[in-house]
Amino acid sequence: MEVLNPKKEKIISTVQYATGWLLFILFIWGFVLPFFIEMPSSSVFFPTFMVTFFTHAAVGIRSTAIRYRVWRPWVDLAFLVVWIFSCSVFVLIYL
Protein backbone atom coordinates (compact mmCIF):
# COMPACT_ATOMS: atom_id res chain seq x y z
CA MET A 1 0.00 0.00 0.00
CA GLU A 2 1.23 3.46 -0.81
CA VAL A 3 2.02 6.01 1.88
CA LEU A 4 -0.69 8.64 2.25
CA ASN A 5 0.20 12.33 2.31
CA PRO A 6 -0.49 13.58 5.89
CA LYS A 7 -1.24 17.17 4.77
CA LYS A 8 -3.73 15.96 2.16
CA GLU A 9 -5.36 13.62 4.68
CA LYS A 10 -5.67 16.46 7.21
CA ILE A 11 -7.40 18.67 4.62
CA ILE A 12 -9.76 15.89 3.56
CA SER A 13 -10.53 15.06 7.19
CA THR A 14 -11.29 18.74 7.86
CA VAL A 15 -13.60 18.86 4.82
CA GLN A 16 -15.50 15.82 6.07
CA TYR A 17 -15.80 17.29 9.57
CA ALA A 18 -16.99 20.64 8.21
CA THR A 19 -19.52 19.11 5.81
CA GLY A 20 -20.86 16.96 8.63
CA TRP A 21 -21.55 20.02 10.76
CA LEU A 22 -22.94 21.90 7.76
CA LEU A 23 -25.31 19.01 7.05
CA PHE A 24 -26.45 19.08 10.67
CA ILE A 25 -27.06 22.84 10.57
CA LEU A 26 -28.83 22.70 7.21
CA PHE A 27 -31.03 19.84 8.40
CA ILE A 28 -32.05 21.77 11.52
CA TRP A 29 -32.61 24.94 9.45
CA GLY A 30 -34.62 23.31 6.68
CA PHE A 31 -36.50 20.47 8.31
CA VAL A 32 -36.78 21.03 12.08
CA LEU A 33 -37.12 24.78 12.66
CA PRO A 34 -40.00 25.23 10.18
CA PHE A 35 -42.18 23.15 12.54
CA PHE A 36 -41.69 25.72 15.29
CA ILE A 37 -41.17 29.09 13.60
CA GLU A 38 -41.80 30.56 10.17
CA MET A 39 -38.58 30.39 8.19
CA PRO A 40 -37.80 32.50 5.12
CA SER A 41 -37.77 30.44 1.94
CA SER A 42 -34.62 30.22 -0.14
CA SER A 43 -34.11 28.73 -3.58
CA VAL A 44 -30.50 27.79 -2.79
CA PHE A 45 -31.23 25.72 0.33
CA PHE A 46 -31.94 22.38 -1.35
CA PRO A 47 -29.00 22.51 -3.83
CA THR A 48 -26.66 23.49 -0.98
CA PHE A 49 -27.96 20.64 1.15
CA MET A 50 -27.52 18.08 -1.64
CA VAL A 51 -24.03 19.22 -2.73
CA THR A 52 -22.96 19.13 0.92
CA PHE A 53 -24.40 15.64 1.22
CA PHE A 54 -22.60 14.45 -1.94
CA THR A 55 -19.32 15.91 -0.64
CA HIS A 56 -19.67 14.34 2.79
CA ALA A 57 -20.62 10.97 1.28
CA ALA A 58 -17.73 10.94 -1.20
CA VAL A 59 -15.17 11.73 1.49
CA GLY A 60 -16.75 9.13 3.78
CA ILE A 61 -16.56 6.43 1.12
CA ARG A 62 -12.93 7.38 0.48
CA SER A 63 -12.01 7.04 4.16
CA THR A 64 -13.80 3.70 4.33
CA ALA A 65 -11.84 2.51 1.28
CA ILE A 66 -8.61 3.48 3.05
CA ARG A 67 -9.69 1.72 6.25
CA TYR A 68 -10.47 -1.53 4.43
CA ARG A 69 -7.28 -1.29 2.33
CA VAL A 70 -8.97 -1.11 -1.07
CA TRP A 71 -7.77 2.44 -1.74
CA ARG A 72 -5.39 3.01 -4.62
CA PRO A 73 -3.94 6.33 -5.89
CA TRP A 74 -6.32 6.43 -8.86
CA VAL A 75 -9.34 6.10 -6.54
CA ASP A 76 -9.06 9.77 -5.51
CA LEU A 77 -9.41 10.80 -9.13
CA ALA A 78 -12.38 8.44 -9.58
CA PHE A 79 -14.10 9.89 -6.50
CA LEU A 80 -13.47 13.42 -7.77
CA VAL A 81 -14.95 12.61 -11.19
CA VAL A 82 -18.03 10.93 -9.65
CA TRP A 83 -18.48 13.84 -7.21
CA ILE A 84 -18.25 16.48 -9.97
CA PHE A 85 -20.63 14.48 -12.17
CA SER A 86 -23.23 13.92 -9.44
CA CYS A 87 -23.17 17.54 -8.26
CA SER A 88 -23.32 18.88 -11.82
CA VAL A 89 -26.19 16.61 -12.84
CA PHE A 90 -28.14 17.47 -9.70
CA VAL A 91 -27.68 21.23 -10.09
CA LEU A 92 -28.52 21.13 -13.83
CA ILE A 93 -31.68 19.10 -13.23
CA TYR A 94 -32.69 21.24 -10.26
CA LEU A 95 -32.26 24.50 -12.16
PDB file of N, CA and C in Angstrom:
ATOM      1  N   MET A   1       0.852  -1.188   0.000  1.00  0.00           N
ATOM      2  CA  MET A   1       0.000   0.000   0.000  1.00  0.00           C
ATOM      3  C   MET A   1       0.887   1.237   0.000  1.00  0.00           C
ATOM      4  N   GLU A   2       0.466   2.230  -0.697  1.00  0.00           N
ATOM      5  CA  GLU A   2       1.229   3.461  -0.808  1.00  0.00           C
ATOM      6  C   GLU A   2       1.070   4.297   0.459  1.00  0.00           C
ATOM      7  N   VAL A   3       2.060   5.117   0.720  1.00  0.00           N
ATOM      8  CA  VAL A   3       2.016   6.006   1.878  1.00  0.00           C
ATOM      9  C   VAL A   3       1.127   7.195   1.540  1.00  0.00           C
ATOM     10  N   LEU A   4       0.224   7.515   2.456  1.00  0.00           N
ATOM     11  CA  LEU A   4      -0.689   8.637   2.247  1.00  0.00           C
ATOM     12  C   LEU A   4      -0.016   9.933   2.694  1.00  0.00           C
ATOM     13  N   ASN A   5      -0.334  11.017   2.001  1.00  0.00           N
ATOM     14  CA  ASN A   5       0.205  12.331   2.311  1.00  0.00           C
ATOM     15  C   ASN A   5      -0.523  12.888   3.539  1.00  0.00           C
ATOM     16  N   PRO A   6       0.185  13.121   4.667  1.00  0.00           N
ATOM     17  CA  PRO A   6      -0.485  13.581   5.889  1.00  0.00           C
ATOM     18  C   PRO A   6      -1.187  14.936   5.732  1.00  0.00           C
ATOM     19  N   LYS A   7      -0.605  15.860   4.955  1.00  0.00           N
ATOM     20  CA  LYS A   7      -1.240  17.167   4.767  1.00  0.00           C
ATOM     21  C   LYS A   7      -2.553  17.021   4.004  1.00  0.00           C
ATOM     22  N   LYS A   8      -2.527  16.203   2.959  1.00  0.00           N
ATOM     23  CA  LYS A   8      -3.732  15.964   2.165  1.00  0.00           C
ATOM     24  C   LYS A   8      -4.807  15.283   3.014  1.00  0.00           C
ATOM     25  N   GLU A   9      -4.399  14.324   3.827  1.00  0.00           N
ATOM     26  CA  GLU A   9      -5.360  13.617   4.676  1.00  0.00           C
ATOM     27  C   GLU A   9      -5.966  14.559   5.723  1.00  0.00           C
ATOM     28  N   LYS A  10      -5.170  15.485   6.232  1.00  0.00           N
ATOM     29  CA  LYS A  10      -5.673  16.464   7.214  1.00  0.00           C
ATOM     30  C   LYS A  10      -6.713  17.372   6.556  1.00  0.00           C
ATOM     31  N   ILE A  11      -6.445  17.810   5.334  1.00  0.00           N
ATOM     32  CA  ILE A  11      -7.400  18.668   4.620  1.00  0.00           C
ATOM     33  C   ILE A  11      -8.691  17.914   4.336  1.00  0.00           C
ATOM     34  N   ILE A  12      -8.571  16.673   3.872  1.00  0.00           N
ATOM     35  CA  ILE A  12      -9.763  15.888   3.561  1.00  0.00           C
ATOM     36  C   ILE A  12     -10.555  15.581   4.824  1.00  0.00           C
ATOM     37  N   SER A  13      -9.858  15.304   5.913  1.00  0.00           N
ATOM     38  CA  SER A  13     -10.528  15.062   7.190  1.00  0.00           C
ATOM     39  C   SER A  13     -11.272  16.315   7.662  1.00  0.00           C
ATOM     40  N   THR A  14     -10.649  17.472   7.483  1.00  0.00           N
ATOM     41  CA  THR A  14     -11.290  18.738   7.856  1.00  0.00           C
ATOM     42  C   THR A  14     -12.523  19.006   7.002  1.00  0.00           C
ATOM     43  N   VAL A  15     -12.442  18.683   5.708  1.00  0.00           N
ATOM     44  CA  VAL A  15     -13.598  18.857   4.818  1.00  0.00           C
ATOM     45  C   VAL A  15     -14.747  17.955   5.263  1.00  0.00           C
ATOM     46  N   GLN A  16     -14.439  16.715   5.623  1.00  0.00           N
ATOM     47  CA  GLN A  16     -15.505  15.815   6.068  1.00  0.00           C
ATOM     48  C   GLN A  16     -16.126  16.308   7.376  1.00  0.00           C
ATOM     49  N   TYR A  17     -15.299  16.755   8.296  1.00  0.00           N
ATOM     50  CA  TYR A  17     -15.797  17.286   9.567  1.00  0.00           C
ATOM     51  C   TYR A  17     -16.691  18.505   9.332  1.00  0.00           C
ATOM     52  N   ALA A  18     -16.224  19.415   8.482  1.00  0.00           N
ATOM     53  CA  ALA A  18     -16.989  20.645   8.208  1.00  0.00           C
ATOM     54  C   ALA A  18     -18.301  20.337   7.496  1.00  0.00           C
ATOM     55  N   THR A  19     -18.274  19.426   6.518  1.00  0.00           N
ATOM     56  CA  THR A  19     -19.523  19.107   5.813  1.00  0.00           C
ATOM     57  C   THR A  19     -20.495  18.371   6.721  1.00  0.00           C
ATOM     58  N   GLY A  20     -19.982  17.606   7.662  1.00  0.00           N
ATOM     59  CA  GLY A  20     -20.861  16.959   8.635  1.00  0.00           C
ATOM     60  C   GLY A  20     -21.609  17.980   9.471  1.00  0.00           C
ATOM     61  N   TRP A  21     -20.890  18.966   9.975  1.00  0.00           N
ATOM     62  CA  TRP A  21     -21.547  20.018  10.755  1.00  0.00           C
ATOM     63  C   TRP A  21     -22.487  20.857   9.893  1.00  0.00           C
ATOM     64  N   LEU A  22     -22.080  21.133   8.654  1.00  0.00           N
ATOM     65  CA  LEU A  22     -22.942  21.897   7.757  1.00  0.00           C
ATOM     66  C   LEU A  22     -24.221  21.127   7.449  1.00  0.00           C
ATOM     67  N   LEU A  23     -24.116  19.817   7.251  1.00  0.00           N
ATOM     68  CA  LEU A  23     -25.312  19.005   7.046  1.00  0.00           C
ATOM     69  C   LEU A  23     -26.237  19.077   8.255  1.00  0.00           C
ATOM     70  N   PHE A  24     -25.660  18.999   9.435  1.00  0.00           N
ATOM     71  CA  PHE A  24     -26.453  19.081  10.666  1.00  0.00           C
ATOM     72  C   PHE A  24     -27.181  20.419  10.763  1.00  0.00           C
ATOM     73  N   ILE A  25     -26.455  21.505  10.502  1.00  0.00           N
ATOM     74  CA  ILE A  25     -27.055  22.844  10.574  1.00  0.00           C
ATOM     75  C   ILE A  25     -28.131  23.022   9.507  1.00  0.00           C
ATOM     76  N   LEU A  26     -27.841  22.579   8.281  1.00  0.00           N
ATOM     77  CA  LEU A  26     -28.832  22.704   7.209  1.00  0.00           C
ATOM     78  C   LEU A  26     -30.070  21.859   7.481  1.00  0.00           C
ATOM     79  N   PHE A  27     -29.886  20.687   8.061  1.00  0.00           N
ATOM     80  CA  PHE A  27     -31.028  19.842   8.401  1.00  0.00           C
ATOM     81  C   PHE A  27     -31.913  20.521   9.446  1.00  0.00           C
ATOM     82  N   ILE A  28     -31.284  21.053  10.482  1.00  0.00           N
ATOM     83  CA  ILE A  28     -32.049  21.770  11.520  1.00  0.00           C
ATOM     84  C   ILE A  28     -32.767  22.962  10.893  1.00  0.00           C
ATOM     85  N   TRP A  29     -32.050  23.740  10.079  1.00  0.00           N
ATOM     86  CA  TRP A  29     -32.610  24.939   9.455  1.00  0.00           C
ATOM     87  C   TRP A  29     -33.776  24.615   8.527  1.00  0.00           C
ATOM     88  N   GLY A  30     -33.620  23.578   7.711  1.00  0.00           N
ATOM     89  CA  GLY A  30     -34.615  23.314   6.676  1.00  0.00           C
ATOM     90  C   GLY A  30     -35.735  22.374   7.054  1.00  0.00           C
ATOM     91  N   PHE A  31     -35.499  21.489   8.045  1.00  0.00           N
ATOM     92  CA  PHE A  31     -36.496  20.468   8.311  1.00  0.00           C
ATOM     93  C   PHE A  31     -37.037  20.469   9.744  1.00  0.00           C
ATOM     94  N   VAL A  32     -36.317  21.035  10.688  1.00  0.00           N
ATOM     95  CA  VAL A  32     -36.781  21.026  12.076  1.00  0.00           C
ATOM     96  C   VAL A  32     -37.378  22.372  12.473  1.00  0.00           C
ATOM     97  N   LEU A  33     -36.637  23.454  12.254  1.00  0.00           N
ATOM     98  CA  LEU A  33     -37.116  24.777  12.660  1.00  0.00           C
ATOM     99  C   LEU A  33     -38.440  25.191  12.015  1.00  0.00           C
ATOM    100  N   PRO A  34     -38.712  24.830  10.756  1.00  0.00           N
ATOM    101  CA  PRO A  34     -40.001  25.232  10.179  1.00  0.00           C
ATOM    102  C   PRO A  34     -41.227  24.695  10.930  1.00  0.00           C
ATOM    103  N   PHE A  35     -41.058  23.639  11.731  1.00  0.00           N
ATOM    104  CA  PHE A  35     -42.178  23.148  12.540  1.00  0.00           C
ATOM    105  C   PHE A  35     -42.495  24.088  13.692  1.00  0.00           C
ATOM    106  N   PHE A  36     -41.525  24.874  14.119  1.00  0.00           N
ATOM    107  CA  PHE A  36     -41.691  25.716  15.292  1.00  0.00           C
ATOM    108  C   PHE A  36     -41.821  27.201  14.973  1.00  0.00           C
ATOM    109  N   ILE A  37     -41.096  27.677  13.971  1.00  0.00           N
ATOM    110  CA  ILE A  37     -41.169  29.085  13.596  1.00  0.00           C
ATOM    111  C   ILE A  37     -41.227  29.209  12.081  1.00  0.00           C
ATOM    112  N   GLU A  38     -41.737  30.316  11.619  1.00  0.00           N
ATOM    113  CA  GLU A  38     -41.796  30.565  10.173  1.00  0.00           C
ATOM    114  C   GLU A  38     -40.404  30.934   9.676  1.00  0.00           C
ATOM    115  N   MET A  39     -39.917  30.169   8.730  1.00  0.00           N
ATOM    116  CA  MET A  39     -38.576  30.394   8.194  1.00  0.00           C
ATOM    117  C   MET A  39     -38.681  31.018   6.812  1.00  0.00           C
ATOM    118  N   PRO A  40     -37.780  31.936   6.477  1.00  0.00           N
ATOM    119  CA  PRO A  40     -37.799  32.498   5.123  1.00  0.00           C
ATOM    120  C   PRO A  40     -37.422  31.429   4.104  1.00  0.00           C
ATOM    121  N   SER A  41     -38.086  31.439   2.967  1.00  0.00           N
ATOM    122  CA  SER A  41     -37.771  30.443   1.939  1.00  0.00           C
ATOM    123  C   SER A  41     -36.562  30.897   1.131  1.00  0.00           C
ATOM    124  N   SER A  42     -35.806  29.922   0.656  1.00  0.00           N
ATOM    125  CA  SER A  42     -34.617  30.219  -0.140  1.00  0.00           C
ATOM    126  C   SER A  42     -34.505  29.182  -1.242  1.00  0.00           C
ATOM    127  N   SER A  43     -34.218  29.649  -2.451  1.00  0.00           N
ATOM    128  CA  SER A  43     -34.114  28.732  -3.580  1.00  0.00           C
ATOM    129  C   SER A  43     -32.769  28.018  -3.612  1.00  0.00           C
ATOM    130  N   VAL A  44     -31.813  28.437  -2.795  1.00  0.00           N
ATOM    131  CA  VAL A  44     -30.499  27.794  -2.786  1.00  0.00           C
ATOM    132  C   VAL A  44     -30.351  26.777  -1.663  1.00  0.00           C
ATOM    133  N   PHE A  45     -31.347  26.641  -0.799  1.00  0.00           N
ATOM    134  CA  PHE A  45     -31.228  25.720   0.331  1.00  0.00           C
ATOM    135  C   PHE A  45     -31.054  24.273  -0.128  1.00  0.00           C
ATOM    136  N   PHE A  46     -31.969  23.782  -0.953  1.00  0.00           N
ATOM    137  CA  PHE A  46     -31.937  22.380  -1.355  1.00  0.00           C
ATOM    138  C   PHE A  46     -30.680  22.030  -2.147  1.00  0.00           C
ATOM    139  N   PRO A  47     -30.261  22.838  -3.144  1.00  0.00           N
ATOM    140  CA  PRO A  47     -29.001  22.508  -3.826  1.00  0.00           C
ATOM    141  C   PRO A  47     -27.794  22.513  -2.885  1.00  0.00           C
ATOM    142  N   THR A  48     -27.762  23.449  -1.948  1.00  0.00           N
ATOM    143  CA  THR A  48     -26.659  23.495  -0.984  1.00  0.00           C
ATOM    144  C   THR A  48     -26.653  22.238  -0.121  1.00  0.00           C
ATOM    145  N   PHE A  49     -27.836  21.843   0.321  1.00  0.00           N
ATOM    146  CA  PHE A  49     -27.961  20.641   1.147  1.00  0.00           C
ATOM    147  C   PHE A  49     -27.479  19.409   0.381  1.00  0.00           C
ATOM    148  N   MET A  50     -27.876  19.267  -0.869  1.00  0.00           N
ATOM    149  CA  MET A  50     -27.524  18.078  -1.643  1.00  0.00           C
ATOM    150  C   MET A  50     -26.039  18.057  -2.013  1.00  0.00           C
ATOM    151  N   VAL A  51     -25.466  19.185  -2.398  1.00  0.00           N
ATOM    152  CA  VAL A  51     -24.032  19.219  -2.727  1.00  0.00           C
ATOM    153  C   VAL A  51     -23.209  18.928  -1.472  1.00  0.00           C
ATOM    154  N   THR A  52     -23.640  19.437  -0.337  1.00  0.00           N
ATOM    155  CA  THR A  52     -22.960  19.129   0.923  1.00  0.00           C
ATOM    156  C   THR A  52     -23.060  17.645   1.231  1.00  0.00           C
ATOM    157  N   PHE A  53     -24.225  17.072   0.998  1.00  0.00           N
ATOM    158  CA  PHE A  53     -24.400  15.637   1.223  1.00  0.00           C
ATOM    159  C   PHE A  53     -23.491  14.818   0.297  1.00  0.00           C
ATOM    160  N   PHE A  54     -23.459  15.178  -0.994  1.00  0.00           N
ATOM    161  CA  PHE A  54     -22.597  14.455  -1.936  1.00  0.00           C
ATOM    162  C   PHE A  54     -21.130  14.546  -1.514  1.00  0.00           C
ATOM    163  N   THR A  55     -20.701  15.716  -1.064  1.00  0.00           N
ATOM    164  CA  THR A  55     -19.318  15.909  -0.641  1.00  0.00           C
ATOM    165  C   THR A  55     -19.006  15.055   0.582  1.00  0.00           C
ATOM    166  N   HIS A  56     -19.872  15.103   1.565  1.00  0.00           N
ATOM    167  CA  HIS A  56     -19.675  14.340   2.795  1.00  0.00           C
ATOM    168  C   HIS A  56     -19.656  12.836   2.499  1.00  0.00           C
ATOM    169  N   ALA A  57     -20.555  12.392   1.630  1.00  0.00           N
ATOM    170  CA  ALA A  57     -20.618  10.971   1.285  1.00  0.00           C
ATOM    171  C   ALA A  57     -19.368  10.522   0.528  1.00  0.00           C
ATOM    172  N   ALA A  58     -18.907  11.316  -0.417  1.00  0.00           N
ATOM    173  CA  ALA A  58     -17.725  10.935  -1.195  1.00  0.00           C
ATOM    174  C   ALA A  58     -16.491  10.828  -0.309  1.00  0.00           C
ATOM    175  N   VAL A  59     -16.328  11.779   0.591  1.00  0.00           N
ATOM    176  CA  VAL A  59     -15.170  11.730   1.495  1.00  0.00           C
ATOM    177  C   VAL A  59     -15.310  10.558   2.465  1.00  0.00           C
ATOM    178  N   GLY A  60     -16.521  10.271   2.893  1.00  0.00           N
ATOM    179  CA  GLY A  60     -16.746   9.132   3.780  1.00  0.00           C
ATOM    180  C   GLY A  60     -16.455   7.804   3.106  1.00  0.00           C
ATOM    181  N   ILE A  61     -16.853   7.662   1.858  1.00  0.00           N
ATOM    182  CA  ILE A  61     -16.561   6.434   1.116  1.00  0.00           C
ATOM    183  C   ILE A  61     -15.054   6.291   0.917  1.00  0.00           C
ATOM    184  N   ARG A  62     -14.383   7.407   0.651  1.00  0.00           N
ATOM    185  CA  ARG A  62     -12.926   7.376   0.477  1.00  0.00           C
ATOM    186  C   ARG A  62     -12.240   6.903   1.753  1.00  0.00           C
ATOM    187  N   SER A  63     -12.647   7.447   2.908  1.00  0.00           N
ATOM    188  CA  SER A  63     -12.006   7.041   4.164  1.00  0.00           C
ATOM    189  C   SER A  63     -12.307   5.581   4.497  1.00  0.00           C
ATOM    190  N   THR A  64     -13.485   5.109   4.130  1.00  0.00           N
ATOM    191  CA  THR A  64     -13.805   3.698   4.329  1.00  0.00           C
ATOM    192  C   THR A  64     -12.942   2.820   3.428  1.00  0.00           C
ATOM    193  N   ALA A  65     -12.716   3.263   2.194  1.00  0.00           N
ATOM    194  CA  ALA A  65     -11.844   2.509   1.280  1.00  0.00           C
ATOM    195  C   ALA A  65     -10.425   2.432   1.828  1.00  0.00           C
ATOM    196  N   ILE A  66      -9.954   3.493   2.451  1.00  0.00           N
ATOM    197  CA  ILE A  66      -8.612   3.481   3.054  1.00  0.00           C
ATOM    198  C   ILE A  66      -8.591   2.523   4.244  1.00  0.00           C
ATOM    199  N   ARG A  67      -9.629   2.576   5.064  1.00  0.00           N
ATOM    200  CA  ARG A  67      -9.685   1.725   6.249  1.00  0.00           C
ATOM    201  C   ARG A  67      -9.668   0.242   5.880  1.00  0.00           C
ATOM    202  N   TYR A  68     -10.394  -0.123   4.829  1.00  0.00           N
ATOM    203  CA  TYR A  68     -10.470  -1.529   4.427  1.00  0.00           C
ATOM    204  C   TYR A  68      -9.415  -1.908   3.382  1.00  0.00           C
ATOM    205  N   ARG A  69      -8.450  -1.039   3.180  1.00  0.00           N
ATOM    206  CA  ARG A  69      -7.282  -1.288   2.327  1.00  0.00           C
ATOM    207  C   ARG A  69      -7.623  -1.614   0.872  1.00  0.00           C
ATOM    208  N   VAL A  70      -8.655  -0.971   0.351  1.00  0.00           N
ATOM    209  CA  VAL A  70      -8.969  -1.108  -1.075  1.00  0.00           C
ATOM    210  C   VAL A  70      -8.662   0.179  -1.827  1.00  0.00           C
ATOM    211  N   TRP A  71      -8.107   1.157  -1.128  1.00  0.00           N
ATOM    212  CA  TRP A  71      -7.770   2.438  -1.740  1.00  0.00           C
ATOM    213  C   TRP A  71      -6.520   2.286  -2.591  1.00  0.00           C
ATOM    214  N   ARG A  72      -6.543   2.927  -3.738  1.00  0.00           N
ATOM    215  CA  ARG A  72      -5.389   3.014  -4.623  1.00  0.00           C
ATOM    216  C   ARG A  72      -5.264   4.478  -5.046  1.00  0.00           C
ATOM    217  N   PRO A  73      -4.097   4.913  -5.526  1.00  0.00           N
ATOM    218  CA  PRO A  73      -3.936   6.331  -5.888  1.00  0.00           C
ATOM    219  C   PRO A  73      -4.942   6.828  -6.925  1.00  0.00           C
ATOM    220  N   TRP A  74      -5.380   6.002  -7.838  1.00  0.00           N
ATOM    221  CA  TRP A  74      -6.325   6.433  -8.858  1.00  0.00           C
ATOM    222  C   TRP A  74      -7.748   6.580  -8.309  1.00  0.00           C
ATOM    223  N   VAL A  75      -7.994   6.026  -7.113  1.00  0.00           N
ATOM    224  CA  VAL A  75      -9.343   6.095  -6.538  1.00  0.00           C
ATOM    225  C   VAL A  75      -9.734   7.543  -6.212  1.00  0.00           C
ATOM    226  N   ASP A  76      -8.768   8.357  -5.779  1.00  0.00           N
ATOM    227  CA  ASP A  76      -9.064   9.768  -5.509  1.00  0.00           C
ATOM    228  C   ASP A  76      -9.582  10.470  -6.755  1.00  0.00           C
ATOM    229  N   LEU A  77      -8.950  10.207  -7.877  1.00  0.00           N
ATOM    230  CA  LEU A  77      -9.408  10.799  -9.131  1.00  0.00           C
ATOM    231  C   LEU A  77     -10.801  10.290  -9.496  1.00  0.00           C
ATOM    232  N   ALA A  78     -11.054   9.010  -9.287  1.00  0.00           N
ATOM    233  CA  ALA A  78     -12.379   8.443  -9.577  1.00  0.00           C
ATOM    234  C   ALA A  78     -13.445   9.081  -8.692  1.00  0.00           C
ATOM    235  N   PHE A  79     -13.144   9.244  -7.398  1.00  0.00           N
ATOM    236  CA  PHE A  79     -14.103   9.894  -6.498  1.00  0.00           C
ATOM    237  C   PHE A  79     -14.364  11.339  -6.913  1.00  0.00           C
ATOM    238  N   LEU A  80     -13.317  12.038  -7.326  1.00  0.00           N
ATOM    239  CA  LEU A  80     -13.469  13.418  -7.770  1.00  0.00           C
ATOM    240  C   LEU A  80     -14.357  13.502  -9.001  1.00  0.00           C
ATOM    241  N   VAL A  81     -14.139  12.612  -9.965  1.00  0.00           N
ATOM    242  CA  VAL A  81     -14.948  12.611 -11.188  1.00  0.00           C
ATOM    243  C   VAL A  81     -16.415  12.297 -10.860  1.00  0.00           C
ATOM    244  N   VAL A  82     -16.654  11.295 -10.021  1.00  0.00           N
ATOM    245  CA  VAL A  82     -18.029  10.934  -9.649  1.00  0.00           C
ATOM    246  C   VAL A  82     -18.681  12.079  -8.877  1.00  0.00           C
ATOM    247  N   TRP A  83     -17.931  12.724  -7.985  1.00  0.00           N
ATOM    248  CA  TRP A  83     -18.480  13.837  -7.213  1.00  0.00           C
ATOM    249  C   TRP A  83     -18.859  15.006  -8.127  1.00  0.00           C
ATOM    250  N   ILE A  84     -17.963  15.378  -9.034  1.00  0.00           N
ATOM    251  CA  ILE A  84     -18.252  16.477  -9.972  1.00  0.00           C
ATOM    252  C   ILE A  84     -19.455  16.133 -10.840  1.00  0.00           C
ATOM    253  N   PHE A  85     -19.511  14.904 -11.333  1.00  0.00           N
ATOM    254  CA  PHE A  85     -20.627  14.477 -12.174  1.00  0.00           C
ATOM    255  C   PHE A  85     -21.944  14.523 -11.401  1.00  0.00           C
ATOM    256  N   SER A  86     -21.972  13.964 -10.196  1.00  0.00           N
ATOM    257  CA  SER A  86     -23.229  13.922  -9.444  1.00  0.00           C
ATOM    258  C   SER A  86     -23.696  15.321  -9.046  1.00  0.00           C
ATOM    259  N   CYS A  87     -22.783  16.167  -8.621  1.00  0.00           N
ATOM    260  CA  CYS A  87     -23.168  17.537  -8.256  1.00  0.00           C
ATOM    261  C   CYS A  87     -23.647  18.312  -9.481  1.00  0.00           C
ATOM    262  N   SER A  88     -22.944  18.165 -10.595  1.00  0.00           N
ATOM    263  CA  SER A  88     -23.322  18.878 -11.823  1.00  0.00           C
ATOM    264  C   SER A  88     -24.684  18.433 -12.328  1.00  0.00           C
ATOM    265  N   VAL A  89     -24.909  17.125 -12.371  1.00  0.00           N
ATOM    266  CA  VAL A  89     -26.194  16.613 -12.839  1.00  0.00           C
ATOM    267  C   VAL A  89     -27.314  17.082 -11.920  1.00  0.00           C
ATOM    268  N   PHE A  90     -27.105  17.024 -10.617  1.00  0.00           N
ATOM    269  CA  PHE A  90     -28.144  17.469  -9.702  1.00  0.00           C
ATOM    270  C   PHE A  90     -28.477  18.948  -9.901  1.00  0.00           C
ATOM    271  N   VAL A  91     -27.442  19.792  -9.952  1.00  0.00           N
ATOM    272  CA  VAL A  91     -27.679  21.232 -10.092  1.00  0.00           C
ATOM    273  C   VAL A  91     -28.344  21.551 -11.434  1.00  0.00           C
ATOM    274  N   LEU A  92     -27.899  20.897 -12.508  1.00  0.00           N
ATOM    275  CA  LEU A  92     -28.516  21.134 -13.829  1.00  0.00           C
ATOM    276  C   LEU A  92     -29.986  20.695 -13.861  1.00  0.00           C
ATOM    277  N   ILE A  93     -30.285  19.568 -13.259  1.00  0.00           N
ATOM    278  CA  ILE A  93     -31.675  19.102 -13.230  1.00  0.00           C
ATOM    279  C   ILE A  93     -32.509  19.998 -12.322  1.00  0.00           C
ATOM    280  N   TYR A  94     -31.941  20.403 -11.188  1.00  0.00           N
ATOM    281  CA  TYR A  94     -32.692  21.243 -10.259  1.00  0.00           C
ATOM    282  C   TYR A  94     -33.013  22.606 -10.860  1.00  0.00           C
ATOM    283  N   LEU A  95     -32.050  23.179 -11.585  1.00  0.00           N
ATOM    284  CA  LEU A  95     -32.257  24.503 -12.159  1.00  0.00           C
ATOM    285  C   LEU A  95     -33.146  24.393 -13.386  1.00  0.00           C
TER     286      LEU A  95
END
